[in-house]
């Protein structure tokens, strides 16, 4: 499916990311509808021009209108929604998501999905430490990465549709990874970093530290302001991979600790030089 102007989008789950998708697509001239649990969120999104219309009720009359459906739901809720309501979706529709773990989600949905519709996983690597549609902001996609996670059950047309969606939303880089490779990368790049930030914020009483801190602590703990329900689910769904990445970090942290304890200046400098070298690749990308 090509994303042409008469394609209609449905956002299921109108929070920060779902709202930001809606804003970006509406501003491009697409018709965007939404289904979410809160009527207040629907009213806000309509009033602010983020969506054309929306509902808190899942009905076949409404769902069947749409060509592309974006699920901005927690993984377990997403799977349950598909199991319950996939019969309402029109033949030929393309379904995608924004969830942060892929293997437990993509394969299960593709296994239960009827053959007339296609699901292809995607992960927008963007966000803010705030929640809700009232914080929707399409600019969070600018300079961000978007990962498509196809399997052998996806068609070339479905993959192209999902890649094109990332491009029109404004992501800087659109990449493809298998669900397994995605979960390995995300375990390190996102989940491990959140674990580190949470550990930093909880290892020492911090109420008064705000009066003394510099930018380094603020930068390292920016993502410690965390949605405990969502991240607990994501961590457990990717448990084995995340534990592997945490063990890797503990090993390297101990290596640095031991070099300090032993006053091994050469080892300390070696570690820091490698760190500086690898960080430079990110500066080049920016």
C-alpha atoms as a PDB file:
ATOM      1  CA  UNK A   1       0.000   0.000   0.000  1.00  0.00           C
ATOM      2  CA  UNK A   2       1.281   3.438  -0.934  1.00  0.00           C
ATOM      3  CA  UNK A   3       0.585   6.248   1.522  1.00  0.00           C
ATOM      4  CA  UNK A   4      -1.320   8.599  -0.765  1.00  0.00           C
ATOM      5  CA  UNK A   5      -3.461  11.531   0.321  1.00  0.00           C
ATOM      6  CA  UNK A   6      -6.729   9.616   0.585  1.00  0.00           C
ATOM      7  CA  UNK A   7      -5.257   7.045   2.989  1.00  0.00           C
ATOM      8  CA  UNK A   8      -7.067   7.208   6.325  1.00  0.00           C
ATOM      9  CA  UNK A   9      -5.149   6.665   9.568  1.00  0.00           C
ATOM     10  CA  UNK A  10      -6.463   5.352  12.873  1.00  0.00           C
ATOM     11  CA  UNK A  11      -4.461   5.890  16.059  1.00  0.00           C
ATOM     12  CA  UNK A  12      -5.366   3.419  18.813  1.00  0.00           C
ATOM     13  CA  UNK A  13      -4.076   4.801  22.106  1.00  0.00           C
ATOM     14  CA  UNK A  14      -3.941   8.582  22.181  1.00  0.00           C
ATOM     15  CA  UNK A  15      -1.061   9.343  24.525  1.00  0.00           C
ATOM     16  CA  UNK A  16       2.197  11.198  23.900  1.00  0.00           C
ATOM     17  CA  UNK A  17       3.391   9.082  20.962  1.00  0.00           C
ATOM     18  CA  UNK A  18      -0.030   8.389  19.503  1.00  0.00           C
ATOM     19  CA  UNK A  19      -0.885  12.079  19.774  1.00  0.00           C
ATOM     20  CA  UNK A  20       2.393  13.068  18.138  1.00  0.00           C
ATOM     21  CA  UNK A  21       1.728  10.674  15.232  1.00  0.00           C
ATOM     22  CA  UNK A  22      -1.738  12.196  14.906  1.00  0.00           C
ATOM     23  CA  UNK A  23      -0.410  15.749  14.879  1.00  0.00           C
ATOM     24  CA  UNK A  24       2.217  14.997  12.247  1.00  0.00           C
ATOM     25  CA  UNK A  25      -0.199  13.138   9.948  1.00  0.00           C
ATOM     26  CA  UNK A  26      -3.001  15.699  10.327  1.00  0.00           C
ATOM     27  CA  UNK A  27      -0.620  18.542   9.534  1.00  0.00           C
ATOM     28  CA  UNK A  28       0.322  16.703   6.338  1.00  0.00           C
ATOM     29  CA  UNK A  29      -3.329  16.679   5.273  1.00  0.00           C
ATOM     30  CA  UNK A  30      -4.310  13.106   6.095  1.00  0.00           C
ATOM     31  CA  UNK A  31      -7.592  12.178   7.723  1.00  0.00           C
ATOM     32  CA  UNK A  32      -6.767  10.883  11.196  1.00  0.00           C
ATOM     33  CA  UNK A  33      -9.147   9.245  13.631  1.00  0.00           C
ATOM     34  CA  UNK A  34      -8.489   7.898  17.102  1.00  0.00           C
ATOM     35  CA  UNK A  35      -9.721   5.360  19.608  1.00  0.00           C
ATOM     36  CA  UNK A  36      -8.715   5.780  23.232  1.00  0.00           C
ATOM     37  CA  UNK A  37     -10.214   5.131  26.653  1.00  0.00           C
ATOM     38  CA  UNK A  38     -10.555   8.768  27.728  1.00  0.00           C
ATOM     39  CA  UNK A  39     -13.222  11.011  26.229  1.00  0.00           C
ATOM     40  CA  UNK A  40     -11.253  13.939  27.646  1.00  0.00           C
ATOM     41  CA  UNK A  41      -8.304  12.960  25.450  1.00  0.00           C
ATOM     42  CA  UNK A  42     -10.537  12.712  22.376  1.00  0.00           C
ATOM     43  CA  UNK A  43     -12.065  16.122  23.088  1.00  0.00           C
ATOM     44  CA  UNK A  44      -8.640  17.702  23.571  1.00  0.00           C
ATOM     45  CA  UNK A  45      -7.262  16.200  20.357  1.00  0.00           C
ATOM     46  CA  UNK A  46     -10.260  17.345  18.313  1.00  0.00           C
ATOM     47  CA  UNK A  47     -10.171  20.834  19.835  1.00  0.00           C
ATOM     48  CA  UNK A  48      -6.446  21.217  19.112  1.00  0.00           C
ATOM     49  CA  UNK A  49      -6.788  19.884  15.578  1.00  0.00           C
ATOM     50  CA  UNK A  50      -4.675  16.774  16.165  1.00  0.00           C
ATOM     51  CA  UNK A  51      -7.396  14.464  14.823  1.00  0.00           C
ATOM     52  CA  UNK A  52     -10.487  14.830  12.658  1.00  0.00           C
ATOM     53  CA  UNK A  53     -12.641  12.675  14.924  1.00  0.00           C
ATOM     54  CA  UNK A  54     -12.415   9.995  17.575  1.00  0.00           C
ATOM     55  CA  UNK A  55     -14.264   7.688  19.908  1.00  0.00           C
ATOM     56  CA  UNK A  56     -13.909   5.706  23.108  1.00  0.00           C
ATOM     57  CA  UNK A  57     -15.998   2.860  21.650  1.00  0.00           C
ATOM     58  CA  UNK A  58     -14.544   0.148  19.405  1.00  0.00           C
ATOM     59  CA  UNK A  59     -17.164  -0.515  16.740  1.00  0.00           C
ATOM     60  CA  UNK A  60     -16.956  -2.212  13.320  1.00  0.00           C
ATOM     61  CA  UNK A  61     -18.524   0.845  11.681  1.00  0.00           C
ATOM     62  CA  UNK A  62     -15.689   3.065  12.888  1.00  0.00           C
ATOM     63  CA  UNK A  63     -12.682   0.736  12.687  1.00  0.00           C
ATOM     64  CA  UNK A  64     -13.495  -0.449   9.149  1.00  0.00           C
ATOM     65  CA  UNK A  65     -13.070   3.080   7.752  1.00  0.00           C
ATOM     66  CA  UNK A  66      -9.280   3.077   8.044  1.00  0.00           C
ATOM     67  CA  UNK A  67      -6.472   1.933   5.764  1.00  0.00           C
ATOM     68  CA  UNK A  68      -3.537   2.171   8.212  1.00  0.00           C
ATOM     69  CA  UNK A  69      -3.880   1.535  11.943  1.00  0.00           C
ATOM     70  CA  UNK A  70      -1.169   2.600  14.392  1.00  0.00           C
ATOM     71  CA  UNK A  71      -1.297   0.959  17.806  1.00  0.00           C
ATOM     72  CA  UNK A  72       0.195   3.101  20.578  1.00  0.00           C
ATOM     73  CA  UNK A  73      -0.632   0.649  23.359  1.00  0.00           C
ATOM     74  CA  UNK A  74       1.222  -1.383  25.965  1.00  0.00           C
ATOM     75  CA  UNK A  75       2.292  -4.728  24.428  1.00  0.00           C
ATOM     76  CA  UNK A  76      -0.175  -6.955  26.289  1.00  0.00           C
ATOM     77  CA  UNK A  77      -3.077  -4.590  25.669  1.00  0.00           C
ATOM     78  CA  UNK A  78      -2.142  -4.453  21.976  1.00  0.00           C
ATOM     79  CA  UNK A  79      -2.271  -8.233  21.632  1.00  0.00           C
ATOM     80  CA  UNK A  80      -5.598  -8.407  23.452  1.00  0.00           C
ATOM     81  CA  UNK A  81      -7.040  -5.664  21.204  1.00  0.00           C
ATOM     82  CA  UNK A  82      -6.051  -7.561  18.056  1.00  0.00           C
ATOM     83  CA  UNK A  83      -7.502 -10.822  19.383  1.00  0.00           C
ATOM     84  CA  UNK A  84     -10.816  -9.149  20.213  1.00  0.00           C
ATOM     85  CA  UNK A  85     -11.355  -6.680  17.379  1.00  0.00           C
ATOM     86  CA  UNK A  86      -9.391  -7.780  14.301  1.00  0.00           C
ATOM     87  CA  UNK A  87     -12.657  -8.814  12.651  1.00  0.00           C
ATOM     88  CA  UNK A  88     -13.616  -5.129  12.465  1.00  0.00           C
ATOM     89  CA  UNK A  89     -10.595  -4.188  10.338  1.00  0.00           C
ATOM     90  CA  UNK A  90     -11.059  -3.824   6.584  1.00  0.00           C
ATOM     91  CA  UNK A  91      -9.364  -6.265   4.212  1.00  0.00           C
ATOM     92  CA  UNK A  92      -6.044  -4.957   2.904  1.00  0.00           C
ATOM     93  CA  UNK A  93      -5.361  -2.703   5.893  1.00  0.00           C
ATOM     94  CA  UNK A  94      -1.817  -2.346   7.227  1.00  0.00           C
ATOM     95  CA  UNK A  95      -1.297  -2.427  10.985  1.00  0.00           C
ATOM     96  CA  UNK A  96       1.768  -1.185  12.829  1.00  0.00           C
ATOM     97  CA  UNK A  97       2.767  -0.251  16.373  1.00  0.00           C
ATOM     98  CA  UNK A  98       5.149   1.808  18.507  1.00  0.00           C
ATOM     99  CA  UNK A  99       6.013  -0.712  21.233  1.00  0.00           C
ATOM    100  CA  UNK A 100       9.546  -0.963  22.617  1.00  0.00           C
ATOM    101  CA  UNK A 101       9.827  -4.780  22.505  1.00  0.00           C
ATOM    102  CA  UNK A 102       9.273  -6.746  19.328  1.00  0.00           C
ATOM    103  CA  UNK A 103       9.816 -10.521  19.454  1.00  0.00           C
ATOM    104  CA  UNK A 104       7.071 -11.246  22.026  1.00  0.00           C
ATOM    105  CA  UNK A 105       4.689  -8.908  20.191  1.00  0.00           C
ATOM    106  CA  UNK A 106       5.274  -9.222  16.454  1.00  0.00           C
ATOM    107  CA  UNK A 107       5.293 -13.009  16.166  1.00  0.00           C
ATOM    108  CA  UNK A 108       2.258 -13.489  18.382  1.00  0.00           C
ATOM    109  CA  UNK A 109       0.186 -10.933  16.490  1.00  0.00           C
ATOM    110  CA  UNK A 110       1.212 -12.295  13.096  1.00  0.00           C
ATOM    111  CA  UNK A 111       0.309 -15.794  14.283  1.00  0.00           C
ATOM    112  CA  UNK A 112      -3.252 -14.858  15.300  1.00  0.00           C
ATOM    113  CA  UNK A 113      -3.939 -12.299  12.543  1.00  0.00           C
ATOM    114  CA  UNK A 114      -6.313 -13.217   9.764  1.00  0.00           C
ATOM    115  CA  UNK A 115      -4.612 -13.339   6.324  1.00  0.00           C
ATOM    116  CA  UNK A 116      -6.496 -10.406   4.776  1.00  0.00           C
ATOM    117  CA  UNK A 117      -4.642  -7.831   6.906  1.00  0.00           C
ATOM    118  CA  UNK A 118      -0.944  -7.287   7.608  1.00  0.00           C
ATOM    119  CA  UNK A 119       0.913  -6.351  10.775  1.00  0.00           C
ATOM    120  CA  UNK A 120       4.458  -4.993  10.652  1.00  0.00           C
ATOM    121  CA  UNK A 121       6.273  -3.850  13.786  1.00  0.00           C
ATOM    122  CA  UNK A 122       7.909  -0.446  14.119  1.00  0.00           C
ATOM    123  CA  UNK A 123       9.622   1.441  16.924  1.00  0.00           C
ATOM    124  CA  UNK A 124       9.904   5.255  16.927  1.00  0.00           C
ATOM    125  CA  UNK A 125      13.000   5.999  18.989  1.00  0.00           C
ATOM    126  CA  UNK A 126      11.584   9.229  20.345  1.00  0.00           C
ATOM    127  CA  UNK A 127       9.814  10.492  23.415  1.00  0.00           C
ATOM    128  CA  UNK A 128       9.756  12.868  26.352  1.00  0.00           C
ATOM    129  CA  UNK A 129       9.562  12.468  30.120  1.00  0.00           C
ATOM    130  CA  UNK A 130       5.918  13.518  30.083  1.00  0.00           C
ATOM    131  CA  UNK A 131       2.749  11.658  29.171  1.00  0.00           C
ATOM    132  CA  UNK A 132      -0.644  12.184  27.629  1.00  0.00           C
ATOM    133  CA  UNK A 133      -1.982  13.634  24.409  1.00  0.00           C
ATOM    134  CA  UNK A 134      -1.774  17.150  25.857  1.00  0.00           C
ATOM    135  CA  UNK A 135       2.015  16.814  25.488  1.00  0.00           C
ATOM    136  CA  UNK A 136       1.864  15.648  21.860  1.00  0.00           C
ATOM    137  CA  UNK A 137       4.674  17.176  19.838  1.00  0.00           C
ATOM    138  CA  UNK A 138       5.555  16.074  16.314  1.00  0.00           C
ATOM    139  CA  UNK A 139       8.974  17.742  16.606  1.00  0.00           C
ATOM    140  CA  UNK A 140      10.181  14.844  18.794  1.00  0.00           C
ATOM    141  CA  UNK A 141      10.535  12.815  15.585  1.00  0.00           C
ATOM    142  CA  UNK A 142      12.975  15.282  14.048  1.00  0.00           C
ATOM    143  CA  UNK A 143      16.554  13.916  14.127  1.00  0.00           C
ATOM    144  CA  UNK A 144      15.230  10.698  15.708  1.00  0.00           C
ATOM    145  CA  UNK A 145      15.520   7.096  14.520  1.00  0.00           C
ATOM    146  CA  UNK A 146      12.695   4.831  13.363  1.00  0.00           C
ATOM    147  CA  UNK A 147      13.133   1.054  13.275  1.00  0.00           C
ATOM    148  CA  UNK A 148      11.020  -1.276  11.138  1.00  0.00           C
ATOM    149  CA  UNK A 149      11.016  -4.946  12.208  1.00  0.00           C
ATOM    150  CA  UNK A 150       9.792  -7.107   9.308  1.00  0.00           C
ATOM    151  CA  UNK A 151       9.494 -10.894   9.317  1.00  0.00           C
ATOM    152  CA  UNK A 152       9.073 -13.423   6.502  1.00  0.00           C
ATOM    153  CA  UNK A 153       5.296 -12.996   6.884  1.00  0.00           C
ATOM    154  CA  UNK A 154       5.467  -9.385   5.703  1.00  0.00           C
ATOM    155  CA  UNK A 155       4.986  -8.391   2.081  1.00  0.00           C
ATOM    156  CA  UNK A 156       7.313  -5.969   0.258  1.00  0.00           C
ATOM    157  CA  UNK A 157       4.353  -3.603   0.008  1.00  0.00           C
ATOM    158  CA  UNK A 158       3.715  -3.731   3.749  1.00  0.00           C
ATOM    159  CA  UNK A 159       7.372  -3.109   4.546  1.00  0.00           C
ATOM    160  CA  UNK A 160       7.475  -0.183   2.134  1.00  0.00           C
ATOM    161  CA  UNK A 161       4.308   1.276   3.665  1.00  0.00           C
ATOM    162  CA  UNK A 162       5.829   1.142   7.146  1.00  0.00           C
ATOM    163  CA  UNK A 163       9.128   2.644   5.973  1.00  0.00           C
ATOM    164  CA  UNK A 164       7.260   5.413   4.146  1.00  0.00           C
ATOM    165  CA  UNK A 165       5.303   6.176   7.320  1.00  0.00           C
ATOM    166  CA  UNK A 166       8.569   6.763   9.180  1.00  0.00           C
ATOM    167  CA  UNK A 167       9.759   9.115   6.450  1.00  0.00           C
ATOM    168  CA  UNK A 168       6.603  11.231   6.272  1.00  0.00           C
ATOM    169  CA  UNK A 169       6.504  11.511  10.067  1.00  0.00           C
ATOM    170  CA  UNK A 170       9.874  13.263   9.819  1.00  0.00           C
ATOM    171  CA  UNK A 171      12.306  10.735  11.268  1.00  0.00           C
ATOM    172  CA  UNK A 172      15.915  11.348  10.300  1.00  0.00           C
ATOM    173  CA  UNK A 173      16.855   7.680   9.872  1.00  0.00           C
ATOM    174  CA  UNK A 174      14.642   4.730   8.920  1.00  0.00           C
ATOM    175  CA  UNK A 175      16.244   1.327   9.521  1.00  0.00           C
ATOM    176  CA  UNK A 176      15.254  -2.337   9.381  1.00  0.00           C
ATOM    177  CA  UNK A 177      16.090  -4.972  11.995  1.00  0.00           C
ATOM    178  CA  UNK A 178      14.711  -8.410  12.724  1.00  0.00           C
ATOM    179  CA  UNK A 179      12.580  -8.502  15.899  1.00  0.00           C
ATOM    180  CA  UNK A 180      15.377 -10.430  17.642  1.00  0.00           C
ATOM    181  CA  UNK A 181      18.114  -7.978  16.648  1.00  0.00           C
ATOM    182  CA  UNK A 182      15.853  -5.090  17.613  1.00  0.00           C
ATOM    183  CA  UNK A 183      15.373  -6.508  21.097  1.00  0.00           C
ATOM    184  CA  UNK A 184      19.113  -6.997  21.528  1.00  0.00           C
ATOM    185  CA  UNK A 185      19.850  -3.414  20.464  1.00  0.00           C
ATOM    186  CA  UNK A 186      17.010  -1.923  22.488  1.00  0.00           C
ATOM    187  CA  UNK A 187      18.047  -3.930  25.524  1.00  0.00           C
ATOM    188  CA  UNK A 188      21.370  -2.105  25.425  1.00  0.00           C
ATOM    189  CA  UNK A 189      20.540   1.313  23.986  1.00  0.00           C
ATOM    190  CA  UNK A 190      17.281   1.994  25.828  1.00  0.00           C
ATOM    191  CA  UNK A 191      16.393  -0.476  28.558  1.00  0.00           C
ATOM    192  CA  UNK A 192      19.878  -0.698  30.094  1.00  0.00           C
ATOM    193  CA  UNK A 193      20.210   3.089  30.084  1.00  0.00           C
ATOM    194  CA  UNK A 194      16.889   3.424  31.899  1.00  0.00           C
ATOM    195  CA  UNK A 195      18.064   0.858  34.464  1.00  0.00           C
ATOM    196  CA  UNK A 196      21.256   2.867  35.019  1.00  0.00           C
ATOM    197  CA  UNK A 197      19.332   6.131  35.407  1.00  0.00           C
ATOM    198  CA  UNK A 198      16.876   4.565  37.872  1.00  0.00           C
ATOM    199  CA  UNK A 199      19.755   3.062  39.874  1.00  0.00           C
ATOM    200  CA  UNK A 200      21.519   6.428  40.059  1.00  0.00           C
ATOM    201  CA  UNK A 201      18.395   8.149  41.341  1.00  0.00           C
ATOM    202  CA  UNK A 202      17.673   5.494  43.961  1.00  0.00           C
ATOM    203  CA  UNK A 203      21.146   4.681  45.329  1.00  0.00           C
ATOM    204  CA  UNK A 204      21.454   7.917  47.320  1.00  0.00           C
ATOM    205  CA  UNK A 205      18.890  10.210  48.940  1.00  0.00           C
ATOM    206  CA  UNK A 206      18.584  13.015  46.431  1.00  0.00           C
ATOM    207  CA  UNK A 207      16.155  15.633  47.780  1.00  0.00           C
ATOM    208  CA  UNK A 208      18.944  18.091  48.612  1.00  0.00           C
ATOM    209  CA  UNK A 209      21.353  17.045  45.845  1.00  0.00           C
ATOM    210  CA  UNK A 210      19.502  19.281  43.418  1.00  0.00           C
ATOM    211  CA  UNK A 211      21.152  22.280  45.078  1.00  0.00           C
ATOM    212  CA  UNK A 212      24.634  21.020  44.257  1.00  0.00           C
ATOM    213  CA  UNK A 213      24.368  19.062  41.018  1.00  0.00           C
ATOM    214  CA  UNK A 214      25.834  20.002  37.658  1.00  0.00           C
ATOM    215  CA  UNK A 215      24.789  19.124  34.137  1.00  0.00           C
ATOM    216  CA  UNK A 216      26.431  15.682  34.196  1.00  0.00           C
ATOM    217  CA  UNK A 217      24.034  14.262  36.788  1.00  0.00           C
ATOM    218  CA  UNK A 218      21.025  15.943  35.168  1.00  0.00           C
ATOM    219  CA  UNK A 219      21.970  14.530  31.756  1.00  0.00           C
ATOM    220  CA  UNK A 220      22.568  11.021  33.096  1.00  0.00           C
ATOM    221  CA  UNK A 221      19.276  10.912  35.012  1.00  0.00           C
ATOM    222  CA  UNK A 222      16.960  12.680  32.565  1.00  0.00           C
ATOM    223  CA  UNK A 223      15.191   9.401  31.769  1.00  0.00           C
ATOM    224  CA  UNK A 224      14.877   8.376  35.445  1.00  0.00           C
ATOM    225  CA  UNK A 225      11.495  10.115  35.491  1.00  0.00           C
ATOM    226  CA  UNK A 226       9.864   6.921  34.331  1.00  0.00           C
ATOM    227  CA  UNK A 227       6.462   5.341  33.713  1.00  0.00           C
ATOM    228  CA  UNK A 228       6.744   2.387  36.082  1.00  0.00           C
ATOM    229  CA  UNK A 229       3.858   0.414  34.579  1.00  0.00           C
ATOM    230  CA  UNK A 230       5.041   0.556  30.987  1.00  0.00           C
ATOM    231  CA  UNK A 231       8.740  -0.009  31.710  1.00  0.00           C
ATOM    232  CA  UNK A 232       8.123  -2.908  34.096  1.00  0.00           C
ATOM    233  CA  UNK A 233       6.204  -4.642  31.305  1.00  0.00           C
ATOM    234  CA  UNK A 234       8.901  -3.884  28.726  1.00  0.00           C
ATOM    235  CA  UNK A 235      11.726  -5.053  31.000  1.00  0.00           C
ATOM    236  CA  UNK A 236      10.022  -8.372  31.725  1.00  0.00           C
ATOM    237  CA  UNK A 237       9.087  -9.023  28.095  1.00  0.00           C
ATOM    238  CA  UNK A 238      12.758  -8.573  27.168  1.00  0.00           C
ATOM    239  CA  UNK A 239      14.074 -10.112  30.384  1.00  0.00           C
ATOM    240  CA  UNK A 240      16.789 -12.433  29.036  1.00  0.00           C
ATOM    241  CA  UNK A 241      18.268  -9.846  26.699  1.00  0.00           C
ATOM    242  CA  UNK A 242      18.142  -7.079  29.290  1.00  0.00           C
ATOM    243  CA  UNK A 243      19.825  -9.233  31.941  1.00  0.00           C
ATOM    244  CA  UNK A 244      22.581 -10.031  29.449  1.00  0.00           C
ATOM    245  CA  UNK A 245      23.164  -6.326  28.797  1.00  0.00           C
ATOM    246  CA  UNK A 246      23.092  -5.540  32.536  1.00  0.00           C
ATOM    247  CA  UNK A 247      25.730  -8.223  33.158  1.00  0.00           C
ATOM    248  CA  UNK A 248      27.883  -6.679  30.429  1.00  0.00           C
ATOM    249  CA  UNK A 249      27.600  -3.261  32.083  1.00  0.00           C
ATOM    250  CA  UNK A 250      28.412  -4.639  35.552  1.00  0.00           C
ATOM    251  CA  UNK A 251      31.517  -6.314  34.114  1.00  0.00           C
ATOM    252  CA  UNK A 252      32.762  -3.082  32.535  1.00  0.00           C
ATOM    253  CA  UNK A 253      31.865  -0.999  35.590  1.00  0.00           C
ATOM    254  CA  UNK A 254      33.855  -3.386  37.792  1.00  0.00           C
ATOM    255  CA  UNK A 255      36.778  -3.174  35.392  1.00  0.00           C
ATOM    256  CA  UNK A 256      36.859   0.613  35.820  1.00  0.00           C
ATOM    257  CA  UNK A 257      36.324   0.322  39.587  1.00  0.00           C
ATOM    258  CA  UNK A 258      39.217  -2.124  39.920  1.00  0.00           C
ATOM    259  CA  UNK A 259      41.546   0.092  37.920  1.00  0.00           C
ATOM    260  CA  UNK A 260      40.751   3.006  40.271  1.00  0.00           C
ATOM    261  CA  UNK A 261      41.164   0.860  43.381  1.00  0.00           C
ATOM    262  CA  UNK A 262      44.532  -0.431  42.128  1.00  0.00           C
ATOM    263  CA  UNK A 263      45.596   3.031  40.915  1.00  0.00           C
ATOM    264  CA  UNK A 264      46.184   1.509  37.504  1.00  0.00           C
ATOM    265  CA  UNK A 265      46.415   4.777  35.611  1.00  0.00           C
ATOM    266  CA  UNK A 266      47.254   3.152  32.291  1.00  0.00           C
ATOM    267  CA  UNK A 267      44.131   0.984  32.421  1.00  0.00           C
ATOM    268  CA  UNK A 268      41.981   3.966  33.424  1.00  0.00           C
ATOM    269  CA  UNK A 269      43.301   6.010  30.501  1.00  0.00           C
ATOM    270  CA  UNK A 270      42.822   3.088  28.126  1.00  0.00           C
ATOM    271  CA  UNK A 271      39.164   2.771  29.143  1.00  0.00           C
ATOM    272  CA  UNK A 272      38.580   6.523  28.843  1.00  0.00           C
ATOM    273  CA  UNK A 273      40.260   6.736  25.432  1.00  0.00           C
ATOM    274  CA  UNK A 274      38.060   3.927  24.128  1.00  0.00           C
ATOM    275  CA  UNK A 275      35.006   5.674  25.570  1.00  0.00           C
ATOM    276  CA  UNK A 276      35.925   8.967  23.885  1.00  0.00           C
ATOM    277  CA  UNK A 277      36.587   7.212  20.567  1.00  0.00           C
ATOM    278  CA  UNK A 278      33.238   5.417  20.547  1.00  0.00           C
ATOM    279  CA  UNK A 279      31.261   8.476  21.662  1.00  0.00           C
ATOM    280  CA  UNK A 280      32.685  10.424  18.725  1.00  0.00           C
ATOM    281  CA  UNK A 281      30.621   8.326  16.306  1.00  0.00           C
ATOM    282  CA  UNK A 282      27.442   9.706  17.881  1.00  0.00           C
ATOM    283  CA  UNK A 283      28.738  13.273  17.527  1.00  0.00           C
ATOM    284  CA  UNK A 284      29.362  12.663  13.830  1.00  0.00           C
ATOM    285  CA  UNK A 285      25.795  11.393  13.384  1.00  0.00           C
ATOM    286  CA  UNK A 286      24.415  14.555  14.979  1.00  0.00           C
END
